Amino acid sequence: MTINEYAVLAHLIECLYAGYEGDYTNEFSVRAWHDALEDIDFYDAKKAIKAHARTFSEPPSIAEIRKFVKVYRLYKIWAAGRKYGEEHS
């Protein structure tokens, strides 16, 4: 993910958690969070943030975003394997 893509996610977090007192869009926060999430796909991280917002009233941590993305990737692998097995049985 690029730093500009993370900046988009930072604004998404601030919009979804408008009543929360965190500041995700200042330059330091954007750089720090980007450094911790740069190996994550932008669209996977966006899905993680949206899923988190449907369940939790506080913004996600870096660890929570990474955990969701890991679970989501494992699910995609499992689903692809299952589909392959059904097609070849």
Protein backbone atom coordinates (compact mmCIF):
# COMPACT_ATOMS: atom_id res chain seq x y z
CA MET A 1 0.00 0.00 0.00
CA THR A 2 1.26 3.46 -0.79
CA ILE A 3 1.33 6.30 1.71
CA ASN A 4 -1.43 8.08 -0.26
CA GLU A 5 -3.61 4.96 -0.05
CA TYR A 6 -3.08 4.84 3.70
CA ALA A 7 -4.05 8.53 3.90
CA VAL A 8 -7.38 7.54 2.31
CA LEU A 9 -7.80 4.82 4.96
CA ALA A 10 -6.98 7.32 7.71
CA HIS A 11 -9.82 9.54 6.52
CA LEU A 12 -12.10 6.50 6.36
CA ILE A 13 -11.29 5.65 9.99
CA GLU A 14 -11.97 9.24 11.06
CA CYS A 15 -15.29 9.26 9.20
CA LEU A 16 -16.44 5.92 10.59
CA TYR A 17 -15.46 6.90 14.14
CA ALA A 18 -16.41 10.57 14.04
CA GLY A 19 -17.03 10.84 17.79
CA TYR A 20 -13.64 9.36 18.68
CA GLU A 21 -10.85 11.67 19.82
CA GLY A 22 -8.03 10.09 17.75
CA ASP A 23 -6.16 11.93 14.99
CA TYR A 24 -5.29 9.54 12.18
CA THR A 25 -4.72 12.11 9.44
CA ASN A 26 -1.85 14.21 10.78
CA GLU A 27 1.45 13.72 8.94
CA PHE A 28 3.16 11.80 11.76
CA SER A 29 0.25 9.38 12.22
CA VAL A 30 -0.04 8.74 8.49
CA ARG A 31 3.67 7.92 8.23
CA ALA A 32 3.70 5.74 11.35
CA TRP A 33 0.61 3.74 10.39
CA HIS A 34 1.80 3.43 6.79
CA ASP A 35 5.13 2.02 7.98
CA ALA A 36 3.26 -0.63 9.99
CA LEU A 37 0.80 -1.52 7.21
CA GLU A 38 2.73 -0.92 3.97
CA ASP A 39 2.89 -4.66 3.15
CA ILE A 40 -0.91 -4.97 3.35
CA ASP A 41 -3.05 -4.62 0.23
CA PHE A 42 -5.07 -1.39 0.26
CA TYR A 43 -8.37 -3.11 -0.57
CA ASP A 44 -7.86 -5.81 2.07
CA ALA A 45 -7.13 -3.13 4.69
CA LYS A 46 -10.22 -1.18 3.61
CA LYS A 47 -12.36 -4.32 4.04
CA ALA A 48 -10.81 -4.86 7.47
CA ILE A 49 -11.60 -1.32 8.61
CA LYS A 50 -15.20 -1.53 7.36
CA ALA A 51 -15.73 -4.94 8.99
CA HIS A 52 -14.31 -3.61 12.26
CA ALA A 53 -16.67 -0.62 12.15
CA ARG A 54 -19.68 -2.93 11.84
CA THR A 55 -18.73 -4.64 15.10
CA PHE A 56 -16.71 -2.32 17.34
CA SER A 57 -17.35 1.19 18.63
CA GLU A 58 -13.66 2.10 18.89
CA PRO A 59 -11.25 2.45 15.95
CA PRO A 60 -9.12 -0.55 14.96
CA SER A 61 -5.53 -0.95 16.02
CA ILE A 62 -2.79 -1.83 13.56
CA ALA A 63 -2.79 -5.36 15.00
CA GLU A 64 -6.55 -5.72 14.49
CA ILE A 65 -6.30 -4.65 10.85
CA ARG A 66 -3.43 -7.08 10.25
CA LYS A 67 -5.32 -9.91 11.99
CA PHE A 68 -8.45 -9.38 9.90
CA VAL A 69 -6.42 -9.29 6.68
CA LYS A 70 -4.65 -12.53 7.64
CA VAL A 71 -7.96 -14.28 8.36
CA TYR A 72 -9.48 -12.91 5.15
CA ARG A 73 -6.52 -14.14 3.07
CA LEU A 74 -6.72 -17.59 4.66
CA TYR A 75 -10.44 -17.70 3.88
CA LYS A 76 -9.78 -16.79 0.23
CA ILE A 77 -7.21 -19.61 -0.01
CA TRP A 78 -9.60 -22.08 1.62
CA ALA A 79 -12.48 -21.04 -0.65
CA ALA A 80 -10.32 -21.33 -3.77
CA GLY A 81 -9.18 -24.81 -2.71
CA ARG A 82 -12.74 -25.86 -2.02
CA LYS A 83 -13.90 -24.57 -5.41
CA TYR A 84 -10.99 -26.39 -7.11
CA GLY A 85 -11.92 -29.63 -5.31
CA GLU A 86 -15.56 -29.38 -6.37
CA GLU A 87 -14.58 -28.79 -9.99
CA HIS A 88 -12.22 -31.77 -10.06
CA SER A 89 -14.21 -34.40 -8.20
